[in-house]
Every structure is written in structure tokens, then in C-alpha cells.
N, C-alpha and C. Protein backbone atom coordinates (compact mmCIF):
# COMPACT_ATOMS: atom_id res chain seq x y z
N MET A 1 0.82 -1.02 0.01
CA MET A 1 -0.02 -0.13 0.14
C MET A 1 1.09 1.44 0.07
N ILE A 2 0.39 2.18 -0.70
CA ILE A 2 1.37 3.36 -0.85
C ILE A 2 0.65 4.40 0.03
N SER A 3 1.62 5.36 0.70
CA SER A 3 1.12 6.16 2.01
C SER A 3 0.65 7.37 0.80
N LYS A 4 -0.14 8.18 1.53
CA LYS A 4 -0.79 9.49 0.82
C LYS A 4 0.52 10.34 0.51
N SER A 5 1.41 10.52 1.35
CA SER A 5 2.77 11.37 0.65
C SER A 5 3.30 10.84 -0.41
N GLY A 6 3.63 9.45 -0.69
CA GLY A 6 3.95 8.48 -1.80
C GLY A 6 3.29 8.69 -2.80
N LEU A 7 2.05 8.69 -2.75
CA LEU A 7 1.13 8.77 -3.89
C LEU A 7 1.29 10.52 -4.64
N CYS A 8 1.54 11.52 -3.50
CA CYS A 8 1.75 12.81 -4.19
C CYS A 8 3.19 12.61 -4.82
N MET A 9 4.19 12.06 -4.12
CA MET A 9 5.17 12.20 -5.11
C MET A 9 5.26 11.68 -6.44
N ILE A 10 4.60 10.47 -6.33
CA ILE A 10 4.42 9.76 -7.65
C ILE A 10 3.79 10.90 -8.32
N LEU A 11 2.53 11.39 -8.42
CA LEU A 11 1.82 12.28 -9.07
C LEU A 11 2.70 13.51 -9.48
N LEU A 12 3.34 14.11 -8.83
CA LEU A 12 4.10 15.25 -8.96
C LEU A 12 5.37 14.74 -9.62
N ALA A 13 5.88 13.72 -9.78
CA ALA A 13 7.10 13.04 -10.94
C ALA A 13 6.35 12.85 -12.09
N ALA A 14 5.22 12.36 -12.08
CA ALA A 14 4.43 11.95 -13.51
C ALA A 14 4.12 13.29 -14.09
N SER A 15 3.54 14.53 -13.61
CA SER A 15 2.94 15.50 -14.00
C SER A 15 4.42 16.55 -14.61
N GLY A 16 5.18 16.28 -13.90
CA GLY A 16 6.55 16.87 -14.29
C GLY A 16 6.98 16.60 -15.47
N ALA A 17 7.28 15.04 -15.58
CA ALA A 17 7.40 14.61 -16.98
C ALA A 17 6.72 14.75 -18.12
N ALA A 18 5.43 14.70 -17.95
CA ALA A 18 4.56 15.36 -18.86
C ALA A 18 4.75 16.40 -19.54
N GLY A 19 4.72 17.41 -18.59
CA GLY A 19 5.23 18.81 -18.75
C GLY A 19 6.36 18.85 -19.78
N ALA A 20 7.54 18.22 -19.37
CA ALA A 20 8.43 17.98 -19.92
C ALA A 20 8.27 17.86 -21.50
N ASP A 21 7.46 16.61 -21.64
CA ASP A 21 7.36 16.04 -22.83
C ASP A 21 6.63 16.86 -23.94
N GLN A 22 5.72 18.16 -23.50
CA GLN A 22 5.14 18.94 -24.19
C GLN A 22 6.18 20.09 -24.70
N MET A 23 7.17 20.21 -24.47
CA MET A 23 7.87 21.42 -24.65
C MET A 23 8.75 20.84 -26.06
N PRO A 24 8.63 21.62 -26.78
CA PRO A 24 9.44 21.18 -28.23
C PRO A 24 10.94 20.92 -27.85
N LYS A 25 11.71 20.19 -28.88
CA LYS A 25 13.10 20.12 -28.67
C LYS A 25 13.98 20.82 -29.43
N PRO A 26 15.09 21.35 -28.56
CA PRO A 26 15.90 21.88 -29.66
C PRO A 26 16.25 21.21 -30.93
N GLY A 27 16.41 21.95 -31.97
CA GLY A 27 16.70 20.96 -33.45
C GLY A 27 15.41 21.14 -34.23
N SER A 28 14.04 21.62 -33.53
CA SER A 28 12.85 21.98 -34.31
C SER A 28 13.14 23.32 -34.77
N TYR A 29 12.04 23.55 -35.65
CA TYR A 29 11.78 24.65 -36.67
C TYR A 29 10.94 25.61 -36.20
N GLY A 30 10.91 26.85 -36.38
CA GLY A 30 10.03 27.70 -36.08
C GLY A 30 10.12 28.93 -36.65
N PHE A 31 8.88 29.70 -36.29
CA PHE A 31 8.95 31.31 -36.72
C PHE A 31 8.32 31.92 -35.95
N ASN A 32 8.24 33.17 -35.83
CA ASN A 32 7.58 34.20 -34.96
C ASN A 32 6.14 34.59 -35.80
N TRP A 33 5.03 33.71 -35.46
CA TRP A 33 4.00 34.58 -36.28
C TRP A 33 3.14 35.69 -35.91
N LEU A 34 4.06 36.50 -34.99
CA LEU A 34 3.12 37.45 -34.94
C LEU A 34 4.29 38.77 -35.60
N LYS A 35 5.04 38.25 -36.31
CA LYS A 35 5.92 39.15 -37.44
C LYS A 35 5.72 38.65 -38.81
N ALA A 36 5.16 39.73 -39.58
CA ALA A 36 4.75 39.29 -40.97
C ALA A 36 5.94 38.85 -41.62
N ASP A 37 7.23 39.29 -41.39
CA ASP A 37 8.22 39.06 -42.38
C ASP A 37 9.31 37.82 -41.78
N SER A 38 9.03 37.30 -41.06
CA SER A 38 9.31 36.19 -40.16
C SER A 38 9.80 35.16 -40.80
N ARG A 39 10.97 34.18 -40.64
CA ARG A 39 11.33 33.41 -41.43
C ARG A 39 11.70 32.10 -40.62
N CYS A 40 11.43 30.92 -41.04
CA CYS A 40 11.74 29.36 -40.39
C CYS A 40 13.13 29.18 -39.80
N LYS A 41 13.47 29.14 -38.92
CA LYS A 41 14.90 28.90 -38.28
C LYS A 41 15.15 27.62 -37.37
N LYS A 42 16.04 26.99 -37.26
CA LYS A 42 16.24 25.71 -36.73
C LYS A 42 16.42 26.39 -34.87
N LEU A 43 15.67 26.14 -34.23
CA LEU A 43 15.70 26.44 -32.82
C LEU A 43 16.55 25.81 -32.15
N THR A 44 17.36 26.57 -31.05
CA THR A 44 18.23 26.14 -30.24
C THR A 44 17.99 26.14 -28.95
N GLU A 45 18.61 25.57 -28.13
CA GLU A 45 18.29 25.47 -26.43
C GLU A 45 17.86 26.95 -25.79
N LYS A 46 19.06 27.79 -26.48
CA LYS A 46 18.79 29.26 -25.92
C LYS A 46 17.56 29.92 -26.51
N ASP A 47 16.99 29.39 -27.79
CA ASP A 47 15.59 29.99 -28.35
C ASP A 47 14.70 29.55 -27.00
N PHE A 48 14.79 28.28 -26.49
CA PHE A 48 13.75 27.93 -25.74
C PHE A 48 13.54 28.14 -24.30
N SER A 49 14.83 28.53 -23.80
CA SER A 49 15.26 28.93 -22.87
C SER A 49 14.34 30.33 -22.39
N GLN A 50 14.25 31.27 -23.14
CA GLN A 50 13.35 32.29 -23.43
C GLN A 50 11.59 32.24 -23.41
N VAL A 51 11.22 30.88 -23.99
CA VAL A 51 9.94 30.65 -23.60
C VAL A 51 8.98 30.75 -22.31
N LYS A 52 7.85 31.36 -22.11
CA LYS A 52 7.20 31.23 -21.11
C LYS A 52 6.36 30.23 -21.05
N THR A 53 5.78 29.72 -21.91
CA THR A 53 4.53 28.82 -22.49
C THR A 53 4.37 28.14 -23.35
N CYS A 54 4.05 27.10 -23.60
CA CYS A 54 4.06 26.29 -24.94
C CYS A 54 2.64 25.35 -24.80
N THR A 55 1.70 25.63 -26.02
CA THR A 55 0.62 24.78 -26.15
C THR A 55 0.70 24.04 -27.23
N GLU A 56 0.15 22.61 -27.46
CA GLU A 56 0.41 21.91 -28.53
C GLU A 56 -0.99 22.30 -29.32
N SER A 57 -0.63 21.81 -30.76
CA SER A 57 -2.01 22.31 -31.68
C SER A 57 -1.67 21.27 -32.82
N SER A 58 -2.66 20.78 -33.58
CA SER A 58 -2.47 19.65 -34.98
C SER A 58 -3.37 20.73 -35.92
N ASN A 59 -3.43 21.80 -35.90
CA ASN A 59 -4.18 22.46 -36.95
C ASN A 59 -4.07 24.05 -37.07
N ALA A 60 -2.59 24.34 -36.75
CA ALA A 60 -2.48 25.50 -37.04
C ALA A 60 -2.47 25.86 -38.17
N PHE A 61 -3.03 27.24 -38.80
CA PHE A 61 -3.34 27.85 -39.80
C PHE A 61 -4.04 27.01 -40.87
N GLY A 62 -4.68 26.09 -40.50
CA GLY A 62 -5.66 25.15 -41.23
C GLY A 62 -5.12 24.23 -41.71
N LEU A 63 -3.92 23.81 -41.48
CA LEU A 63 -3.18 22.96 -41.75
C LEU A 63 -2.96 21.57 -40.86
N GLN A 64 -3.07 20.44 -41.21
CA GLN A 64 -3.17 19.25 -40.15
C GLN A 64 -1.77 18.59 -40.01
N LEU A 65 -1.19 19.68 -39.09
CA LEU A 65 0.32 19.26 -38.80
C LEU A 65 0.40 19.47 -37.11
N HIS A 66 1.21 18.86 -36.61
CA HIS A 66 1.35 19.33 -35.22
C HIS A 66 2.59 19.88 -35.24
N SER A 67 1.97 20.82 -33.97
CA SER A 67 3.01 21.99 -33.69
C SER A 67 2.69 22.78 -32.22
N HIS A 68 3.84 23.47 -32.04
CA HIS A 68 3.73 23.72 -30.67
C HIS A 68 3.32 25.63 -30.95
N ALA A 69 2.63 26.50 -30.41
CA ALA A 69 2.72 27.61 -29.99
C ALA A 69 3.20 28.19 -28.76
N CYS A 70 4.48 28.84 -28.74
CA CYS A 70 5.31 28.84 -27.71
C CYS A 70 5.45 30.47 -27.65
N LYS A 71 5.12 30.99 -26.51
CA LYS A 71 4.86 32.53 -26.18
C LYS A 71 6.44 32.80 -25.44
N VAL A 72 6.81 33.81 -25.99
CA VAL A 72 8.17 34.69 -25.60
C VAL A 72 7.85 35.50 -24.90
N ASN A 73 7.16 36.51 -25.24
CA ASN A 73 6.68 37.87 -24.83
C ASN A 73 5.94 38.36 -25.85
N ALA A 74 5.20 39.62 -25.67
CA ALA A 74 3.89 40.21 -26.28
C ALA A 74 4.33 40.12 -27.69
N GLN A 75 5.63 40.37 -28.03
CA GLN A 75 5.92 40.44 -29.52
C GLN A 75 6.67 39.23 -30.06
N THR A 76 6.65 38.10 -29.43
CA THR A 76 7.28 36.68 -29.63
C THR A 76 6.41 35.64 -29.66
N GLU A 77 5.93 34.98 -30.60
CA GLU A 77 5.10 33.76 -30.17
C GLU A 77 5.78 32.87 -31.24
N LEU A 78 6.45 31.97 -31.16
CA LEU A 78 6.87 31.09 -31.90
C LEU A 78 6.14 29.79 -32.25
N MET A 79 5.74 29.53 -33.68
CA MET A 79 5.01 28.51 -34.22
C MET A 79 6.19 27.40 -34.41
N VAL A 80 6.10 26.49 -33.74
CA VAL A 80 7.38 25.36 -33.85
C VAL A 80 6.84 24.08 -34.48
N TYR A 81 7.32 23.29 -35.16
CA TYR A 81 7.33 22.25 -35.90
C TYR A 81 8.43 21.31 -35.85
N ALA A 82 8.08 20.03 -36.22
CA ALA A 82 9.26 18.98 -36.12
C ALA A 82 10.34 18.93 -37.32
N THR A 83 9.82 19.47 -38.79
CA THR A 83 10.99 19.34 -39.62
C THR A 83 11.11 20.85 -40.37
N ALA A 84 11.87 21.42 -41.05
CA ALA A 84 12.25 22.50 -41.83
C ALA A 84 10.84 22.56 -42.87
N ALA A 85 10.91 21.70 -43.18
CA ALA A 85 9.48 21.51 -44.60
C ALA A 85 8.26 21.88 -43.76
N GLN A 86 8.00 21.18 -42.91
CA GLN A 86 6.51 21.49 -42.18
C GLN A 86 6.34 22.91 -41.71
N CYS A 87 7.63 23.77 -41.22
CA CYS A 87 7.68 24.92 -40.70
C CYS A 87 7.45 25.96 -42.07
N GLN A 88 8.03 25.54 -42.99
CA GLN A 88 7.78 26.49 -44.27
C GLN A 88 6.78 26.50 -44.84
N GLU A 89 6.10 25.30 -44.78
CA GLU A 89 4.45 25.29 -45.31
C GLU A 89 3.68 26.17 -44.56
N ALA A 90 3.69 25.76 -42.88
CA ALA A 90 3.14 26.66 -42.22
C ALA A 90 3.38 28.01 -42.40
N LEU A 91 4.66 28.37 -42.64
CA LEU A 91 4.75 29.99 -42.61
C LEU A 91 4.07 30.54 -44.05
N GLU A 92 4.42 29.84 -45.04
CA GLU A 92 3.96 30.17 -46.52
C GLU A 92 2.08 30.21 -46.25
N THR A 93 1.83 29.45 -45.50
CA THR A 93 0.34 29.39 -45.50
C THR A 93 -0.64 30.59 -44.70
N MET A 94 0.42 30.95 -43.77
CA MET A 94 0.04 32.07 -42.75
C MET A 94 0.27 33.43 -43.56
N GLN A 95 1.17 33.45 -44.46
CA GLN A 95 1.41 34.47 -45.13
C GLN A 95 0.60 34.64 -46.22
N ALA A 96 0.11 33.50 -46.97
CA ALA A 96 -0.88 33.88 -48.02
C ALA A 96 -2.24 34.28 -47.51
N ASN A 97 -2.40 34.09 -46.44
CA ASN A 97 -3.88 34.41 -45.61
C ASN A 97 -3.64 35.77 -44.86
N GLY A 98 -2.52 36.18 -44.72
CA GLY A 98 -2.66 37.43 -44.00
C GLY A 98 -2.85 38.67 -44.79
N PRO A 99 -2.96 39.90 -44.05
CA PRO A 99 -3.70 41.14 -44.73
C PRO A 99 -2.60 41.92 -45.77
């Protein structure tokens, strides 16, 4: 039988691991979707160190691609994809639908 405090420790450890898995990894590709002239770039550990929050999506810009929206500050929110090709497709779609 697991004690109440032991159960709390297990749940905390599990929730921490799940949170870490939701953060994109260095080597992913992304662009700042709040900036019209943004370009896709390979993201580094330094880029992710500035991120405040990330949320997962499977339908950014109407594309059925897995992505993350990672907020850095009021002027920077990175759309992050696993590959350079996915990033470029999303960037071009966003720009084509922009004002």
C-alpha cells in the first residue's frame, strides 16, 4: 500500500515528466507568427530558454500538422514544427492568408 505522501510524490513526478514532454526539443524549426516578415529557423536550447509557455496544436493555420505555439513575450510567439519543410509550409500558408 502506498502512503498518501508517497502517492503525492508519484503524481508530482508524473506531472513534471508530462510537462517536459510537451515542450518542443532543440533542433525543431519555428518562426515568430506575430511578425509578418518572419522566417523559419532551426531553434536552439537558447531560443527555448526564453519561452514562457507552450501549447500543442494539430491544426495551426488550417494545416493538419502537429505544432506548438510557444509564447516568449508580447512581440514573440513561436510556431514550432518538427521539420524545416513543415515549418516552411505553415509560414507560407500564414503569409498567404495575411492582410
